């Protein structure tokens, strides 16, 4: 429980910091297209950091805590792969980094399926 809550809080902190950085420091430096890509990274980062917090709270209520922990690690990996690749792509302009993004999306999906299995 504590691990997921700390991970979620850390990821939320990072999402807010990166969002503020994007809104203030990058707005005039990135093209509109790259800014949208960056903002998509922020959006998914925040949603799944909140998911980590949710998993931390759920883990105190159910017996399948190992599945909940595994789900949390998949959400964390998704944030790194999905949002991280979008941040890197938008800042560098290297389009090949977009090939990593779907791996993060799959990690998100696995995390949510594991959560559903754990609560069933």
C-alpha atoms as a PDB file:
ATOM      1  CA  UNK A   1       0.000   0.000   0.000  1.00  0.00           C
ATOM      2  CA  UNK A   2       2.646   2.514   1.053  1.00  0.00           C
ATOM      3  CA  UNK A   3       4.795   1.833  -2.017  1.00  0.00           C
ATOM      4  CA  UNK A   4       1.910   2.525  -4.406  1.00  0.00           C
ATOM      5  CA  UNK A   5       0.865   5.676  -2.544  1.00  0.00           C
ATOM      6  CA  UNK A   6       4.414   7.019  -2.527  1.00  0.00           C
ATOM      7  CA  UNK A   7       4.894   6.113  -6.185  1.00  0.00           C
ATOM      8  CA  UNK A   8       1.587   7.769  -7.063  1.00  0.00           C
ATOM      9  CA  UNK A   9       2.421  10.916  -5.095  1.00  0.00           C
ATOM     10  CA  UNK A  10       5.858  11.101  -6.713  1.00  0.00           C
ATOM     11  CA  UNK A  11       4.403  10.649 -10.188  1.00  0.00           C
ATOM     12  CA  UNK A  12       1.757  13.316  -9.512  1.00  0.00           C
ATOM     13  CA  UNK A  13       4.469  15.727  -8.345  1.00  0.00           C
ATOM     14  CA  UNK A  14       6.456  15.025 -11.504  1.00  0.00           C
ATOM     15  CA  UNK A  15       3.373  15.413 -13.722  1.00  0.00           C
ATOM     16  CA  UNK A  16       2.522  18.802 -12.210  1.00  0.00           C
ATOM     17  CA  UNK A  17       6.137  19.971 -12.489  1.00  0.00           C
ATOM     18  CA  UNK A  18       6.423  18.825 -16.115  1.00  0.00           C
ATOM     19  CA  UNK A  19       3.031  20.326 -16.927  1.00  0.00           C
ATOM     20  CA  UNK A  20       4.077  23.683 -15.508  1.00  0.00           C
ATOM     21  CA  UNK A  21       7.395  23.474 -17.346  1.00  0.00           C
ATOM     22  CA  UNK A  22       5.551  22.790 -20.592  1.00  0.00           C
ATOM     23  CA  UNK A  23       3.048  25.584 -20.072  1.00  0.00           C
ATOM     24  CA  UNK A  24       5.648  28.197 -19.202  1.00  0.00           C
ATOM     25  CA  UNK A  25       9.017  27.258 -20.662  1.00  0.00           C
ATOM     26  CA  UNK A  26       8.058  25.284 -23.759  1.00  0.00           C
ATOM     27  CA  UNK A  27       4.993  27.088 -25.067  1.00  0.00           C
ATOM     28  CA  UNK A  28       7.013  29.449 -27.231  1.00  0.00           C
ATOM     29  CA  UNK A  29       9.763  26.957 -28.072  1.00  0.00           C
ATOM     30  CA  UNK A  30       7.722  24.011 -29.388  1.00  0.00           C
ATOM     31  CA  UNK A  31       5.573  23.927 -32.482  1.00  0.00           C
ATOM     32  CA  UNK A  32       1.834  23.541 -31.956  1.00  0.00           C
ATOM     33  CA  UNK A  33       2.027  19.877 -32.993  1.00  0.00           C
ATOM     34  CA  UNK A  34       4.892  19.111 -30.586  1.00  0.00           C
ATOM     35  CA  UNK A  35       3.097  20.973 -27.786  1.00  0.00           C
ATOM     36  CA  UNK A  36       0.012  18.801 -28.321  1.00  0.00           C
ATOM     37  CA  UNK A  37       2.192  15.680 -28.121  1.00  0.00           C
ATOM     38  CA  UNK A  38       3.753  16.955 -24.891  1.00  0.00           C
ATOM     39  CA  UNK A  39       0.317  17.720 -23.439  1.00  0.00           C
ATOM     40  CA  UNK A  40      -0.892  14.211 -24.311  1.00  0.00           C
ATOM     41  CA  UNK A  41       2.036  12.872 -22.303  1.00  0.00           C
ATOM     42  CA  UNK A  42       1.016  15.065 -19.351  1.00  0.00           C
ATOM     43  CA  UNK A  43      -2.633  13.991 -19.612  1.00  0.00           C
ATOM     44  CA  UNK A  44      -1.832  10.268 -19.495  1.00  0.00           C
ATOM     45  CA  UNK A  45       0.843  10.837 -16.845  1.00  0.00           C
ATOM     46  CA  UNK A  46      -1.680  12.508 -14.510  1.00  0.00           C
ATOM     47  CA  UNK A  47      -4.427   9.952 -15.165  1.00  0.00           C
ATOM     48  CA  UNK A  48      -2.180   6.998 -14.395  1.00  0.00           C
ATOM     49  CA  UNK A  49      -0.474   8.642 -11.424  1.00  0.00           C
ATOM     50  CA  UNK A  50      -3.983   9.007  -9.984  1.00  0.00           C
ATOM     51  CA  UNK A  51      -4.452   5.337 -10.869  1.00  0.00           C
ATOM     52  CA  UNK A  52      -1.413   4.503  -8.721  1.00  0.00           C
ATOM     53  CA  UNK A  53      -2.977   6.377  -5.810  1.00  0.00           C
ATOM     54  CA  UNK A  54      -6.233   4.503  -6.367  1.00  0.00           C
ATOM     55  CA  UNK A  55      -4.406   1.176  -6.376  1.00  0.00           C
ATOM     56  CA  UNK A  56      -2.685   2.134  -3.123  1.00  0.00           C
ATOM     57  CA  UNK A  57      -6.059   2.770  -1.507  1.00  0.00           C
ATOM     58  CA  UNK A  58      -7.599  -0.388  -2.947  1.00  0.00           C
ATOM     59  CA  UNK A  59      -4.707  -2.528  -1.724  1.00  0.00           C
ATOM     60  CA  UNK A  60      -5.764  -1.855   1.878  1.00  0.00           C
ATOM     61  CA  UNK A  61      -9.263  -3.179   1.138  1.00  0.00           C
ATOM     62  CA  UNK A  62      -8.709  -6.461  -0.711  1.00  0.00           C
ATOM     63  CA  UNK A  63      -6.792  -9.708  -0.334  1.00  0.00           C
ATOM     64  CA  UNK A  64      -5.118  -9.791  -3.777  1.00  0.00           C
ATOM     65  CA  UNK A  65      -2.438  -7.262  -2.913  1.00  0.00           C
ATOM     66  CA  UNK A  66       0.223  -8.953  -5.052  1.00  0.00           C
ATOM     67  CA  UNK A  67      -1.930  -8.445  -8.161  1.00  0.00           C
ATOM     68  CA  UNK A  68      -2.580  -4.838  -7.142  1.00  0.00           C
ATOM     69  CA  UNK A  69       1.167  -4.260  -6.713  1.00  0.00           C
ATOM     70  CA  UNK A  70       1.834  -5.813 -10.107  1.00  0.00           C
ATOM     71  CA  UNK A  71      -0.880  -3.604 -11.624  1.00  0.00           C
ATOM     72  CA  UNK A  72       0.820  -0.594 -10.059  1.00  0.00           C
ATOM     73  CA  UNK A  73       4.188  -1.488 -11.526  1.00  0.00           C
ATOM     74  CA  UNK A  74       2.570  -1.829 -14.952  1.00  0.00           C
ATOM     75  CA  UNK A  75       0.965   1.629 -14.589  1.00  0.00           C
ATOM     76  CA  UNK A  76       4.342   3.026 -13.539  1.00  0.00           C
ATOM     77  CA  UNK A  77       6.048   1.384 -16.526  1.00  0.00           C
ATOM     78  CA  UNK A  78       3.307   2.800 -18.742  1.00  0.00           C
ATOM     79  CA  UNK A  79       3.972   6.313 -17.466  1.00  0.00           C
ATOM     80  CA  UNK A  80       7.696   5.931 -18.159  1.00  0.00           C
ATOM     81  CA  UNK A  81       7.235   4.388 -21.609  1.00  0.00           C
ATOM     82  CA  UNK A  82       4.116   6.199 -22.863  1.00  0.00           C
ATOM     83  CA  UNK A  83       4.476   9.660 -21.371  1.00  0.00           C
ATOM     84  CA  UNK A  84       8.263   9.535 -21.318  1.00  0.00           C
ATOM     85  CA  UNK A  85       8.458   8.736 -25.015  1.00  0.00           C
ATOM     86  CA  UNK A  86       6.038  11.561 -25.818  1.00  0.00           C
ATOM     87  CA  UNK A  87       8.083  14.018 -23.750  1.00  0.00           C
ATOM     88  CA  UNK A  88      11.273  12.889 -25.480  1.00  0.00           C
ATOM     89  CA  UNK A  89       9.663  13.006 -28.928  1.00  0.00           C
ATOM     90  CA  UNK A  90       8.233  16.490 -28.426  1.00  0.00           C
ATOM     91  CA  UNK A  91      11.483  17.898 -27.041  1.00  0.00           C
ATOM     92  CA  UNK A  92      13.838  16.242 -29.518  1.00  0.00           C
ATOM     93  CA  UNK A  93      11.688  15.964 -32.640  1.00  0.00           C
ATOM     94  CA  UNK A  94      12.981  12.409 -33.149  1.00  0.00           C
ATOM     95  CA  UNK A  95       9.899  10.683 -34.561  1.00  0.00           C
ATOM     96  CA  UNK A  96      11.286   7.177 -34.032  1.00  0.00           C
ATOM     97  CA  UNK A  97      10.717   7.646 -30.295  1.00  0.00           C
ATOM     98  CA  UNK A  98       7.002   7.371 -31.062  1.00  0.00           C
ATOM     99  CA  UNK A  99       7.554   3.638 -31.589  1.00  0.00           C
ATOM    100  CA  UNK A 100       7.985   3.260 -27.809  1.00  0.00           C
ATOM    101  CA  UNK A 101       4.641   4.902 -27.002  1.00  0.00           C
ATOM    102  CA  UNK A 102       2.425   1.876 -27.804  1.00  0.00           C
ATOM    103  CA  UNK A 103       4.484  -0.261 -25.413  1.00  0.00           C
ATOM    104  CA  UNK A 104       3.488   2.130 -22.655  1.00  0.00           C
ATOM    105  CA  UNK A 105      -0.125   1.934 -23.777  1.00  0.00           C
ATOM    106  CA  UNK A 106      -0.013  -1.854 -23.520  1.00  0.00           C
ATOM    107  CA  UNK A 107       1.497  -1.548 -20.024  1.00  0.00           C
ATOM    108  CA  UNK A 108      -1.415   0.726 -19.035  1.00  0.00           C
ATOM    109  CA  UNK A 109      -3.925  -1.790 -20.362  1.00  0.00           C
ATOM    110  CA  UNK A 110      -2.267  -4.687 -18.532  1.00  0.00           C
ATOM    111  CA  UNK A 111      -2.254  -2.671 -15.305  1.00  0.00           C
ATOM    112  CA  UNK A 112      -5.978  -1.952 -15.518  1.00  0.00           C
ATOM    113  CA  UNK A 113      -6.810  -5.574 -16.382  1.00  0.00           C
ATOM    114  CA  UNK A 114      -4.768  -6.769 -13.412  1.00  0.00           C
ATOM    115  CA  UNK A 115      -6.642  -4.362 -11.179  1.00  0.00           C
ATOM    116  CA  UNK A 116      -9.973  -5.697 -12.433  1.00  0.00           C
ATOM    117  CA  UNK A 117      -8.865  -9.295 -11.844  1.00  0.00           C
ATOM    118  CA  UNK A 118      -7.657  -8.429  -8.337  1.00  0.00           C
ATOM    119  CA  UNK A 119     -10.939  -6.870  -7.276  1.00  0.00           C
ATOM    120  CA  UNK A 120     -12.991  -9.737  -8.741  1.00  0.00           C
END
